[in-house]
């Protein structure tokens, strides 16, 4: 499908047809990534990756150690996370 690049202020825009929006699940206001792939000579619109939540603990021993450290040093981590005055 051929689309025309149009001017929008100091930038440019390409209209995405409704059928592609519906098929991809994108909506007006969705965040996307636009990249130029020089080796291919293509401009690519990438959809945001869906994060998958998992309750699987890959290594129970590492999880236990990390959890213990977090519990012991949580006040210190919170102080370190605060911006300097």
C-alpha atoms as a PDB file:
ATOM      1  CA  UNK A   1       0.000   0.000   0.000  1.00  0.00           C
ATOM      2  CA  UNK A   2       1.411   3.357  -1.005  1.00  0.00           C
ATOM      3  CA  UNK A   3       0.941   6.308   1.346  1.00  0.00           C
ATOM      4  CA  UNK A   4       1.912   9.955   0.900  1.00  0.00           C
ATOM      5  CA  UNK A   5       4.074  11.782   3.453  1.00  0.00           C
ATOM      6  CA  UNK A   6       2.309  14.962   4.590  1.00  0.00           C
ATOM      7  CA  UNK A   7       3.593  17.985   6.471  1.00  0.00           C
ATOM      8  CA  UNK A   8       2.573  18.464  10.113  1.00  0.00           C
ATOM      9  CA  UNK A   9       4.193  21.613  11.502  1.00  0.00           C
ATOM     10  CA  UNK A  10       7.970  21.165  11.161  1.00  0.00           C
ATOM     11  CA  UNK A  11       7.599  17.384  10.978  1.00  0.00           C
ATOM     12  CA  UNK A  12       6.074  14.899   8.572  1.00  0.00           C
ATOM     13  CA  UNK A  13       3.375  12.257   8.967  1.00  0.00           C
ATOM     14  CA  UNK A  14       2.110   9.154   7.246  1.00  0.00           C
ATOM     15  CA  UNK A  15      -1.544   8.179   7.558  1.00  0.00           C
ATOM     16  CA  UNK A  16      -2.042   4.639   8.842  1.00  0.00           C
ATOM     17  CA  UNK A  17      -5.174   3.114   7.312  1.00  0.00           C
ATOM     18  CA  UNK A  18      -7.983   2.065   9.648  1.00  0.00           C
ATOM     19  CA  UNK A  19      -7.650  -1.587   8.582  1.00  0.00           C
ATOM     20  CA  UNK A  20      -4.002  -1.672   9.706  1.00  0.00           C
ATOM     21  CA  UNK A  21      -4.840   0.061  12.988  1.00  0.00           C
ATOM     22  CA  UNK A  22      -7.528  -2.517  13.699  1.00  0.00           C
ATOM     23  CA  UNK A  23      -5.373  -5.477  12.674  1.00  0.00           C
ATOM     24  CA  UNK A  24      -2.386  -4.321  14.762  1.00  0.00           C
ATOM     25  CA  UNK A  25      -4.423  -3.241  17.786  1.00  0.00           C
ATOM     26  CA  UNK A  26      -3.050   0.297  17.616  1.00  0.00           C
ATOM     27  CA  UNK A  27      -5.208   3.313  18.424  1.00  0.00           C
ATOM     28  CA  UNK A  28      -4.805   7.063  18.091  1.00  0.00           C
ATOM     29  CA  UNK A  29      -2.465   7.997  20.950  1.00  0.00           C
ATOM     30  CA  UNK A  30      -0.665   4.621  21.049  1.00  0.00           C
ATOM     31  CA  UNK A  31       3.094   4.719  21.539  1.00  0.00           C
ATOM     32  CA  UNK A  32       5.204   3.222  18.767  1.00  0.00           C
ATOM     33  CA  UNK A  33       8.865   3.142  17.836  1.00  0.00           C
ATOM     34  CA  UNK A  34       9.929   4.483  14.454  1.00  0.00           C
ATOM     35  CA  UNK A  35      13.352   3.448  13.192  1.00  0.00           C
ATOM     36  CA  UNK A  36      15.343   3.701   9.987  1.00  0.00           C
ATOM     37  CA  UNK A  37      17.040   0.455   9.020  1.00  0.00           C
ATOM     38  CA  UNK A  38      19.854   1.751   6.788  1.00  0.00           C
ATOM     39  CA  UNK A  39      21.054  -1.709   5.799  1.00  0.00           C
ATOM     40  CA  UNK A  40      17.588  -2.503   4.410  1.00  0.00           C
ATOM     41  CA  UNK A  41      16.655   1.021   3.314  1.00  0.00           C
ATOM     42  CA  UNK A  42      13.406   0.766   5.291  1.00  0.00           C
ATOM     43  CA  UNK A  43      11.574   2.955   7.761  1.00  0.00           C
ATOM     44  CA  UNK A  44      10.027   0.605  10.309  1.00  0.00           C
ATOM     45  CA  UNK A  45       7.175   1.186  12.741  1.00  0.00           C
ATOM     46  CA  UNK A  46       7.551  -1.187  15.664  1.00  0.00           C
ATOM     47  CA  UNK A  47       4.719  -2.050  18.011  1.00  0.00           C
ATOM     48  CA  UNK A  48       5.390  -1.953  21.742  1.00  0.00           C
ATOM     49  CA  UNK A  49       6.374  -5.330  23.110  1.00  0.00           C
ATOM     50  CA  UNK A  50       3.831  -6.847  25.398  1.00  0.00           C
ATOM     51  CA  UNK A  51       5.334  -7.687  28.736  1.00  0.00           C
ATOM     52  CA  UNK A  52       4.368 -11.049  30.035  1.00  0.00           C
ATOM     53  CA  UNK A  53       4.018 -11.413  33.748  1.00  0.00           C
ATOM     54  CA  UNK A  54       5.361 -14.598  35.183  1.00  0.00           C
ATOM     55  CA  UNK A  55       5.136 -16.118  38.598  1.00  0.00           C
ATOM     56  CA  UNK A  56       7.791 -18.689  37.791  1.00  0.00           C
ATOM     57  CA  UNK A  57      10.936 -18.422  39.897  1.00  0.00           C
ATOM     58  CA  UNK A  58      13.785 -19.562  37.706  1.00  0.00           C
ATOM     59  CA  UNK A  59      16.331 -20.060  40.469  1.00  0.00           C
ATOM     60  CA  UNK A  60      14.794 -20.315  43.933  1.00  0.00           C
ATOM     61  CA  UNK A  61      18.137 -19.867  45.732  1.00  0.00           C
ATOM     62  CA  UNK A  62      18.986 -16.634  43.895  1.00  0.00           C
ATOM     63  CA  UNK A  63      15.456 -15.353  44.506  1.00  0.00           C
ATOM     64  CA  UNK A  64      15.743 -16.117  48.229  1.00  0.00           C
ATOM     65  CA  UNK A  65      19.083 -14.298  48.548  1.00  0.00           C
ATOM     66  CA  UNK A  66      17.810 -11.266  46.606  1.00  0.00           C
ATOM     67  CA  UNK A  67      14.608 -11.166  48.635  1.00  0.00           C
ATOM     68  CA  UNK A  68      16.573 -11.350  51.900  1.00  0.00           C
ATOM     69  CA  UNK A  69      18.879  -8.506  50.811  1.00  0.00           C
ATOM     70  CA  UNK A  70      15.914  -6.390  49.823  1.00  0.00           C
ATOM     71  CA  UNK A  71      14.213  -6.921  53.173  1.00  0.00           C
ATOM     72  CA  UNK A  72      17.397  -6.146  55.144  1.00  0.00           C
ATOM     73  CA  UNK A  73      18.471  -3.079  53.189  1.00  0.00           C
ATOM     74  CA  UNK A  74      15.146  -1.605  52.026  1.00  0.00           C
ATOM     75  CA  UNK A  75      15.511   1.589  54.145  1.00  0.00           C
ATOM     76  CA  UNK A  76      18.998   2.186  52.707  1.00  0.00           C
ATOM     77  CA  UNK A  77      17.769   1.562  49.151  1.00  0.00           C
ATOM     78  CA  UNK A  78      14.952   4.071  49.692  1.00  0.00           C
ATOM     79  CA  UNK A  79      17.416   6.715  50.939  1.00  0.00           C
ATOM     80  CA  UNK A  80      19.688   6.104  47.957  1.00  0.00           C
ATOM     81  CA  UNK A  81      16.740   6.447  45.570  1.00  0.00           C
ATOM     82  CA  UNK A  82      15.797   9.928  46.843  1.00  0.00           C
ATOM     83  CA  UNK A  83      17.085  12.861  44.785  1.00  0.00           C
ATOM     84  CA  UNK A  84      19.765  15.043  46.303  1.00  0.00           C
ATOM     85  CA  UNK A  85      18.576  18.396  47.709  1.00  0.00           C
END
